[in-house]
Amino acid sequence: MRLRIIVRGRVQGVGYRFFTQRTALELGIKGYVRNLPDGTVEVVAEGSPGAMEKFIQELREGPPLAIVEDMEVQEIPPDEEFETFEVRY
């Protein structure tokens, strides 16, 4: 399954991207995370339904300094283009 997730709140400048990458790699999820100009964080991730459910739970918590106010989760067609999970700039 493949998801596009937009995370809103205090999620830039608090280690959120690296937390997301570490969590994804631990769960065997592939894709990327990046900051968007409007202050949100975008995550595009592919993995098994069980791993993705756990991933979403972890993203809602975030690292200690983050405050996640809202998450928009959209399922999109998988295409298996990713080989790992990376932080994009």
Protein backbone atom coordinates (compact mmCIF):
# COMPACT_ATOMS: atom_id res chain seq x y z
CA MET A 1 0.00 0.00 0.00
CA ARG A 2 1.15 3.54 -0.71
CA LEU A 3 0.17 6.65 1.23
CA ARG A 4 0.75 10.39 0.88
CA ILE A 5 0.65 12.02 4.30
CA ILE A 6 0.69 15.74 5.07
CA VAL A 7 1.63 16.49 8.67
CA ARG A 8 0.69 19.84 10.22
CA GLY A 9 1.82 21.44 13.46
CA ARG A 10 5.27 22.13 14.86
CA VAL A 11 6.99 19.64 12.59
CA GLN A 12 9.84 21.60 11.00
CA GLY A 13 13.09 22.26 12.84
CA VAL A 14 12.39 19.59 15.49
CA GLY A 15 13.93 16.47 13.90
CA TYR A 16 10.64 15.23 12.45
CA ARG A 17 12.09 14.18 9.06
CA PHE A 18 14.87 12.14 10.62
CA PHE A 19 12.44 10.58 13.12
CA THR A 20 10.22 9.64 10.17
CA GLN A 21 13.12 8.12 8.24
CA ARG A 22 14.34 6.09 11.21
CA THR A 23 10.82 4.82 11.94
CA ALA A 24 10.23 3.90 8.30
CA LEU A 25 13.48 1.98 8.05
CA GLU A 26 12.70 0.08 11.27
CA LEU A 27 9.31 -0.94 9.83
CA GLY A 28 10.60 -1.84 6.35
CA ILE A 29 8.78 1.07 4.69
CA LYS A 30 10.13 2.74 1.56
CA GLY A 31 9.57 6.27 0.28
CA TYR A 32 10.56 9.78 1.31
CA VAL A 33 9.88 12.66 3.67
CA ARG A 34 10.41 16.36 2.99
CA ASN A 35 9.56 19.79 4.37
CA LEU A 36 7.13 21.85 2.31
CA PRO A 37 7.31 25.66 2.02
CA ASP A 38 4.03 26.13 3.92
CA GLY A 39 5.52 24.65 7.13
CA THR A 40 4.04 21.17 6.73
CA VAL A 41 5.87 17.88 6.18
CA GLU A 42 5.05 15.57 3.27
CA VAL A 43 5.55 11.82 3.54
CA VAL A 44 5.14 9.41 0.64
CA ALA A 45 5.49 5.84 1.87
CA GLU A 46 4.98 2.28 0.65
CA GLY A 47 4.72 -0.81 2.82
CA SER A 48 2.51 -3.58 4.05
CA PRO A 49 -0.84 -2.57 5.59
CA GLY A 50 0.31 -3.62 9.07
CA ALA A 51 3.56 -1.68 8.85
CA MET A 52 1.76 1.36 7.48
CA GLU A 53 -0.74 1.32 10.36
CA LYS A 54 2.11 1.31 12.90
CA PHE A 55 3.95 4.00 10.89
CA ILE A 56 0.93 6.32 11.00
CA GLN A 57 0.64 5.82 14.77
CA GLU A 58 4.30 6.76 15.20
CA LEU A 59 3.97 9.82 12.94
CA ARG A 60 1.05 11.07 15.04
CA GLU A 61 3.35 11.03 18.08
CA GLY A 62 6.49 12.36 16.38
CA PRO A 63 9.79 13.12 18.12
CA PRO A 64 9.80 14.79 21.58
CA LEU A 65 9.90 18.43 20.37
CA ALA A 66 7.24 18.03 17.67
CA ILE A 67 3.58 18.89 18.09
CA VAL A 68 1.44 17.13 15.49
CA GLU A 69 -1.84 19.03 15.16
CA ASP A 70 -3.29 17.27 12.13
CA MET A 71 -2.48 14.60 9.55
CA GLU A 72 -4.05 14.23 6.13
CA VAL A 73 -3.67 10.64 4.90
CA GLN A 74 -4.44 9.77 1.29
CA GLU A 75 -4.06 6.32 -0.27
CA ILE A 76 -2.52 6.45 -3.74
CA PRO A 77 -1.68 3.68 -6.23
CA PRO A 78 1.59 1.87 -5.38
CA ASP A 79 4.30 1.71 -8.01
CA GLU A 80 7.27 0.29 -6.09
CA GLU A 81 9.64 3.00 -7.32
CA PHE A 82 11.48 3.30 -4.00
CA GLU A 83 14.47 1.25 -2.89
CA THR A 84 14.80 2.78 0.59
CA PHE A 85 13.37 5.61 2.68
CA GLU A 86 15.09 8.96 2.27
CA VAL A 87 14.98 12.52 3.50
CA ARG A 88 14.53 14.86 0.53
CA TYR A 89 15.48 18.51 0.48
